[in-house]
Amino acid sequence: MDPTIEHFVENMGRHFEADGGARIGGRLFGYLLLQDEPRSLDELAEDLKVSKASISTNARLLEQW
């Protein structure tokens, strides 16, 4: 991942966490904001270096949010 994108994604995670949310959810949200096309579960897990289960769980939380 590009260092600038990685920095933004990590900051989004920290902001979510500071507001009582899930850090991975914030990272996922930040990452998706910067994407031009849909990403698969495998791509998201690989790019964010987390499990597919974590991506799935946090995507559902974001959807509810």
PDB file of N, CA and C in Angstrom:
ATOM      1  N   MET A   1       0.848  -1.170   0.000  1.00  0.00           N
ATOM      2  CA  MET A   1       0.000   0.000   0.000  1.00  0.00           C
ATOM      3  C   MET A   1       0.899   1.241   0.000  1.00  0.00           C
ATOM      4  N   ASP A   2       0.500   2.228  -0.746  1.00  0.00           N
ATOM      5  CA  ASP A   2       1.209   3.501  -0.814  1.00  0.00           C
ATOM      6  C   ASP A   2       1.296   4.103   0.600  1.00  0.00           C
ATOM      7  N   PRO A   3       2.455   4.647   0.988  1.00  0.00           N
ATOM      8  CA  PRO A   3       2.608   5.193   2.344  1.00  0.00           C
ATOM      9  C   PRO A   3       1.599   6.286   2.697  1.00  0.00           C
ATOM     10  N   THR A   4       1.229   7.113   1.743  1.00  0.00           N
ATOM     11  CA  THR A   4       0.254   8.174   2.002  1.00  0.00           C
ATOM     12  C   THR A   4      -1.112   7.574   2.310  1.00  0.00           C
ATOM     13  N   ILE A   5      -1.502   6.573   1.539  1.00  0.00           N
ATOM     14  CA  ILE A   5      -2.781   5.895   1.773  1.00  0.00           C
ATOM     15  C   ILE A   5      -2.743   5.172   3.112  1.00  0.00           C
ATOM     16  N   GLU A   6      -1.648   4.493   3.381  1.00  0.00           N
ATOM     17  CA  GLU A   6      -1.517   3.768   4.641  1.00  0.00           C
ATOM     18  C   GLU A   6      -1.633   4.718   5.835  1.00  0.00           C
ATOM     19  N   HIS A   7      -1.022   5.882   5.737  1.00  0.00           N
ATOM     20  CA  HIS A   7      -1.094   6.882   6.809  1.00  0.00           C
ATOM     21  C   HIS A   7      -2.544   7.331   7.025  1.00  0.00           C
ATOM     22  N   PHE A   8      -3.251   7.615   5.942  1.00  0.00           N
ATOM     23  CA  PHE A   8      -4.654   8.029   6.041  1.00  0.00           C
ATOM     24  C   PHE A   8      -5.503   6.931   6.672  1.00  0.00           C
ATOM     25  N   VAL A   9      -5.318   5.705   6.209  1.00  0.00           N
ATOM     26  CA  VAL A   9      -6.087   4.561   6.714  1.00  0.00           C
ATOM     27  C   VAL A   9      -5.835   4.371   8.213  1.00  0.00           C
ATOM     28  N   GLU A  10      -4.589   4.459   8.623  1.00  0.00           N
ATOM     29  CA  GLU A  10      -4.258   4.296  10.043  1.00  0.00           C
ATOM     30  C   GLU A  10      -4.863   5.418  10.882  1.00  0.00           C
ATOM     31  N   ASN A  11      -4.831   6.644  10.362  1.00  0.00           N
ATOM     32  CA  ASN A  11      -5.437   7.765  11.086  1.00  0.00           C
ATOM     33  C   ASN A  11      -6.944   7.596  11.225  1.00  0.00           C
ATOM     34  N   MET A  12      -7.589   7.103  10.186  1.00  0.00           N
ATOM     35  CA  MET A  12      -9.027   6.847  10.282  1.00  0.00           C
ATOM     36  C   MET A  12      -9.312   5.806  11.362  1.00  0.00           C
ATOM     37  N   GLY A  13      -8.486   4.785  11.430  1.00  0.00           N
ATOM     38  CA  GLY A  13      -8.636   3.771  12.462  1.00  0.00           C
ATOM     39  C   GLY A  13      -8.513   4.365  13.854  1.00  0.00           C
ATOM     40  N   ARG A  14      -7.546   5.228  14.045  1.00  0.00           N
ATOM     41  CA  ARG A  14      -7.346   5.867  15.349  1.00  0.00           C
ATOM     42  C   ARG A  14      -8.515   6.779  15.715  1.00  0.00           C
ATOM     43  N   HIS A  15      -9.052   7.496  14.726  1.00  0.00           N
ATOM     44  CA  HIS A  15     -10.200   8.369  14.984  1.00  0.00           C
ATOM     45  C   HIS A  15     -11.422   7.561  15.404  1.00  0.00           C
ATOM     46  N   PHE A  16     -11.679   6.479  14.695  1.00  0.00           N
ATOM     47  CA  PHE A  16     -12.803   5.624  15.058  1.00  0.00           C
ATOM     48  C   PHE A  16     -12.627   5.089  16.468  1.00  0.00           C
ATOM     49  N   GLU A  17     -11.417   4.640  16.765  1.00  0.00           N
ATOM     50  CA  GLU A  17     -11.121   4.071  18.079  1.00  0.00           C
ATOM     51  C   GLU A  17     -11.302   5.121  19.180  1.00  0.00           C
ATOM     52  N   ALA A  18     -10.854   6.340  18.934  1.00  0.00           N
ATOM     53  CA  ALA A  18     -10.991   7.419  19.916  1.00  0.00           C
ATOM     54  C   ALA A  18     -12.457   7.755  20.188  1.00  0.00           C
ATOM     55  N   ASP A  19     -13.312   7.523  19.191  1.00  0.00           N
ATOM     56  CA  ASP A  19     -14.745   7.786  19.344  1.00  0.00           C
ATOM     57  C   ASP A  19     -15.508   6.569  19.856  1.00  0.00           C
ATOM     58  N   GLY A  20     -14.779   5.528  20.269  1.00  0.00           N
ATOM     59  CA  GLY A  20     -15.421   4.349  20.826  1.00  0.00           C
ATOM     60  C   GLY A  20     -15.748   3.261  19.821  1.00  0.00           C
ATOM     61  N   GLY A  21     -15.328   3.437  18.588  1.00  0.00           N
ATOM     62  CA  GLY A  21     -15.581   2.440  17.554  1.00  0.00           C
ATOM     63  C   GLY A  21     -14.429   1.455  17.435  1.00  0.00           C
ATOM     64  N   ALA A  22     -14.558   0.581  16.470  1.00  0.00           N
ATOM     65  CA  ALA A  22     -13.524  -0.416  16.221  1.00  0.00           C
ATOM     66  C   ALA A  22     -12.444   0.169  15.320  1.00  0.00           C
ATOM     67  N   ARG A  23     -11.210   0.000  15.726  1.00  0.00           N
ATOM     68  CA  ARG A  23     -10.094   0.524  14.933  1.00  0.00           C
ATOM     69  C   ARG A  23     -10.075  -0.072  13.527  1.00  0.00           C
ATOM     70  N   ILE A  24     -10.296  -1.371  13.415  1.00  0.00           N
ATOM     71  CA  ILE A  24     -10.289  -2.000  12.090  1.00  0.00           C
ATOM     72  C   ILE A  24     -11.442  -1.458  11.246  1.00  0.00           C
ATOM     73  N   GLY A  25     -12.573  -1.211  11.862  1.00  0.00           N
ATOM     74  CA  GLY A  25     -13.695  -0.615  11.136  1.00  0.00           C
ATOM     75  C   GLY A  25     -13.327   0.741  10.557  1.00  0.00           C
ATOM     76  N   GLY A  26     -12.609   1.538  11.321  1.00  0.00           N
ATOM     77  CA  GLY A  26     -12.155   2.838  10.837  1.00  0.00           C
ATOM     78  C   GLY A  26     -11.155   2.718   9.716  1.00  0.00           C
ATOM     79  N   ARG A  27     -10.259   1.740   9.853  1.00  0.00           N
ATOM     80  CA  ARG A  27      -9.279   1.502   8.795  1.00  0.00           C
ATOM     81  C   ARG A  27      -9.982   1.057   7.513  1.00  0.00           C
ATOM     82  N   LEU A  28     -10.947   0.172   7.663  1.00  0.00           N
ATOM     83  CA  LEU A  28     -11.716  -0.311   6.512  1.00  0.00           C
ATOM     84  C   LEU A  28     -12.456   0.842   5.844  1.00  0.00           C
ATOM     85  N   PHE A  29     -13.112   1.656   6.633  1.00  0.00           N
ATOM     86  CA  PHE A  29     -13.847   2.807   6.103  1.00  0.00           C
ATOM     87  C   PHE A  29     -12.907   3.745   5.342  1.00  0.00           C
ATOM     88  N   GLY A  30     -11.768   4.075   5.951  1.00  0.00           N
ATOM     89  CA  GLY A  30     -10.799   4.953   5.301  1.00  0.00           C
ATOM     90  C   GLY A  30     -10.273   4.374   4.003  1.00  0.00           C
ATOM     91  N   TYR A  31      -9.986   3.082   4.021  1.00  0.00           N
ATOM     92  CA  TYR A  31      -9.481   2.417   2.822  1.00  0.00           C
ATOM     93  C   TYR A  31     -10.519   2.447   1.700  1.00  0.00           C
ATOM     94  N   LEU A  32     -11.757   2.113   2.049  1.00  0.00           N
ATOM     95  CA  LEU A  32     -12.811   2.079   1.030  1.00  0.00           C
ATOM     96  C   LEU A  32     -13.102   3.462   0.447  1.00  0.00           C
ATOM     97  N   LEU A  33     -12.942   4.494   1.255  1.00  0.00           N
ATOM     98  CA  LEU A  33     -13.153   5.854   0.746  1.00  0.00           C
ATOM     99  C   LEU A  33     -12.221   6.182  -0.417  1.00  0.00           C
ATOM    100  N   LEU A  34     -11.052   5.581  -0.416  1.00  0.00           N
ATOM    101  CA  LEU A  34     -10.028   5.901  -1.418  1.00  0.00           C
ATOM    102  C   LEU A  34     -10.047   4.992  -2.640  1.00  0.00           C
ATOM    103  N   GLN A  35     -10.946   4.022  -2.675  1.00  0.00           N
ATOM    104  CA  GLN A  35     -10.968   3.054  -3.772  1.00  0.00           C
ATOM    105  C   GLN A  35     -11.897   3.501  -4.895  1.00  0.00           C
ATOM    106  N   ASP A  36     -11.446   3.310  -6.117  1.00  0.00           N
ATOM    107  CA  ASP A  36     -12.244   3.651  -7.297  1.00  0.00           C
ATOM    108  C   ASP A  36     -13.184   2.525  -7.710  1.00  0.00           C
ATOM    109  N   GLU A  37     -12.835   1.299  -7.332  1.00  0.00           N
ATOM    110  CA  GLU A  37     -13.616   0.129  -7.739  1.00  0.00           C
ATOM    111  C   GLU A  37     -13.860  -0.763  -6.529  1.00  0.00           C
ATOM    112  N   PRO A  38     -14.870  -1.623  -6.619  1.00  0.00           N
ATOM    113  CA  PRO A  38     -15.122  -2.561  -5.515  1.00  0.00           C
ATOM    114  C   PRO A  38     -13.909  -3.450  -5.252  1.00  0.00           C
ATOM    115  N   ARG A  39     -13.783  -3.894  -4.023  1.00  0.00           N
ATOM    116  CA  ARG A  39     -12.703  -4.798  -3.614  1.00  0.00           C
ATOM    117  C   ARG A  39     -13.315  -6.062  -3.036  1.00  0.00           C
ATOM    118  N   SER A  40     -12.685  -7.187  -3.298  1.00  0.00           N
ATOM    119  CA  SER A  40     -13.161  -8.451  -2.747  1.00  0.00           C
ATOM    120  C   SER A  40     -12.744  -8.564  -1.281  1.00  0.00           C
ATOM    121  N   LEU A  41     -13.367  -9.492  -0.596  1.00  0.00           N
ATOM    122  CA  LEU A  41     -13.021  -9.766   0.792  1.00  0.00           C
ATOM    123  C   LEU A  41     -11.544 -10.151   0.905  1.00  0.00           C
ATOM    124  N   ASP A  42     -11.073 -10.973  -0.014  1.00  0.00           N
ATOM    125  CA  ASP A  42      -9.664 -11.377  -0.017  1.00  0.00           C
ATOM    126  C   ASP A  42      -8.735 -10.178  -0.202  1.00  0.00           C
ATOM    127  N   GLU A  43      -9.087  -9.288  -1.116  1.00  0.00           N
ATOM    128  CA  GLU A  43      -8.253  -8.111  -1.361  1.00  0.00           C
ATOM    129  C   GLU A  43      -8.213  -7.201  -0.136  1.00  0.00           C
ATOM    130  N   LEU A  44      -9.375  -6.999   0.475  1.00  0.00           N
ATOM    131  CA  LEU A  44      -9.440  -6.144   1.656  1.00  0.00           C
ATOM    132  C   LEU A  44      -8.590  -6.723   2.787  1.00  0.00           C
ATOM    133  N   ALA A  45      -8.733  -8.004   3.028  1.00  0.00           N
ATOM    134  CA  ALA A  45      -7.972  -8.651   4.100  1.00  0.00           C
ATOM    135  C   ALA A  45      -6.471  -8.557   3.832  1.00  0.00           C
ATOM    136  N   GLU A  46      -6.079  -8.787   2.604  1.00  0.00           N
ATOM    137  CA  GLU A  46      -4.656  -8.726   2.254  1.00  0.00           C
ATOM    138  C   GLU A  46      -4.116  -7.310   2.378  1.00  0.00           C
ATOM    139  N   ASP A  47      -4.832  -6.335   1.827  1.00  0.00           N
ATOM    140  CA  ASP A  47      -4.352  -4.957   1.835  1.00  0.00           C
ATOM    141  C   ASP A  47      -4.289  -4.372   3.247  1.00  0.00           C
ATOM    142  N   LEU A  48      -5.264  -4.729   4.086  1.00  0.00           N
ATOM    143  CA  LEU A  48      -5.296  -4.186   5.449  1.00  0.00           C
ATOM    144  C   LEU A  48      -4.564  -5.073   6.454  1.00  0.00           C
ATOM    145  N   LYS A  49      -4.104  -6.237   5.982  1.00  0.00           N
ATOM    146  CA  LYS A  49      -3.348  -7.172   6.830  1.00  0.00           C
ATOM    147  C   LYS A  49      -4.127  -7.604   8.067  1.00  0.00           C
ATOM    148  N   VAL A  50      -5.400  -7.978   7.825  1.00  0.00           N
ATOM    149  CA  VAL A  50      -6.255  -8.521   8.879  1.00  0.00           C
ATOM    150  C   VAL A  50      -6.990  -9.729   8.313  1.00  0.00           C
ATOM    151  N   SER A  51      -7.662 -10.465   9.168  1.00  0.00           N
ATOM    152  CA  SER A  51      -8.372 -11.661   8.719  1.00  0.00           C
ATOM    153  C   SER A  51      -9.638 -11.302   7.941  1.00  0.00           C
ATOM    154  N   LYS A  52     -10.082 -12.243   7.133  1.00  0.00           N
ATOM    155  CA  LYS A  52     -11.337 -12.054   6.394  1.00  0.00           C
ATOM    156  C   LYS A  52     -12.503 -11.943   7.366  1.00  0.00           C
ATOM    157  N   ALA A  53     -12.443 -12.696   8.458  1.00  0.00           N
ATOM    158  CA  ALA A  53     -13.512 -12.624   9.465  1.00  0.00           C
ATOM    159  C   ALA A  53     -13.602 -11.221  10.060  1.00  0.00           C
ATOM    160  N   SER A  54     -12.467 -10.609  10.309  1.00  0.00           N
ATOM    161  CA  SER A  54     -12.452  -9.257  10.851  1.00  0.00           C
ATOM    162  C   SER A  54     -13.028  -8.256   9.854  1.00  0.00           C
ATOM    163  N   ILE A  55     -12.679  -8.406   8.596  1.00  0.00           N
ATOM    164  CA  ILE A  55     -13.233  -7.527   7.561  1.00  0.00           C
ATOM    165  C   ILE A  55     -14.752  -7.690   7.505  1.00  0.00           C
ATOM    166  N   SER A  56     -15.213  -8.916   7.493  1.00  0.00           N
ATOM    167  CA  SER A  56     -16.641  -9.199   7.416  1.00  0.00           C
ATOM    168  C   SER A  56     -17.398  -8.610   8.607  1.00  0.00           C
ATOM    169  N   THR A  57     -16.876  -8.839   9.795  1.00  0.00           N
ATOM    170  CA  THR A  57     -17.517  -8.323  11.011  1.00  0.00           C
ATOM    171  C   THR A  57     -17.576  -6.802  10.990  1.00  0.00           C
ATOM    172  N   ASN A  58     -16.473  -6.181  10.646  1.00  0.00           N
ATOM    173  CA  ASN A  58     -16.426  -4.719  10.659  1.00  0.00           C
ATOM    174  C   ASN A  58     -17.224  -4.103   9.522  1.00  0.00           C
ATOM    175  N   ALA A  59     -17.331  -4.773   8.403  1.00  0.00           N
ATOM    176  CA  ALA A  59     -18.186  -4.287   7.304  1.00  0.00           C
ATOM    177  C   ALA A  59     -19.649  -4.269   7.753  1.00  0.00           C
ATOM    178  N   ARG A  60     -20.067  -5.286   8.488  1.00  0.00           N
ATOM    179  CA  ARG A  60     -21.437  -5.308   9.008  1.00  0.00           C
ATOM    180  C   ARG A  60     -21.660  -4.176  10.008  1.00  0.00           C
ATOM    181  N   LEU A  61     -20.674  -3.912  10.860  1.00  0.00           N
ATOM    182  CA  LEU A  61     -20.784  -2.809  11.806  1.00  0.00           C
ATOM    183  C   LEU A  61     -20.882  -1.469  11.089  1.00  0.00           C
ATOM    184  N   LEU A  62     -20.078  -1.295  10.034  1.00  0.00           N
ATOM    185  CA  LEU A  62     -20.140  -0.051   9.265  1.00  0.00           C
ATOM    186  C   LEU A  62     -21.488   0.111   8.587  1.00  0.00           C
ATOM    187  N   GLU A  63     -22.024  -0.992   8.107  1.00  0.00           N
ATOM    188  CA  GLU A  63     -23.335  -0.946   7.459  1.00  0.00           C
ATOM    189  C   GLU A  63     -24.412  -0.485   8.444  1.00  0.00           C
ATOM    190  N   GLN A  64     -24.343  -0.962   9.669  1.00  0.00           N
ATOM    191  CA  GLN A  64     -25.301  -0.548  10.693  1.00  0.00           C
ATOM    192  C   GLN A  64     -25.101   0.917  11.080  1.00  0.00           C
ATOM    193  N   TRP A  65     -23.848   1.349  11.075  1.00  0.00           N
ATOM    194  CA  TRP A  65     -23.509   2.712  11.424  1.00  0.00           C
ATOM    195  C   TRP A  65     -24.095   3.663  10.411  1.00  0.00           C
TER     196      TRP A  65
END
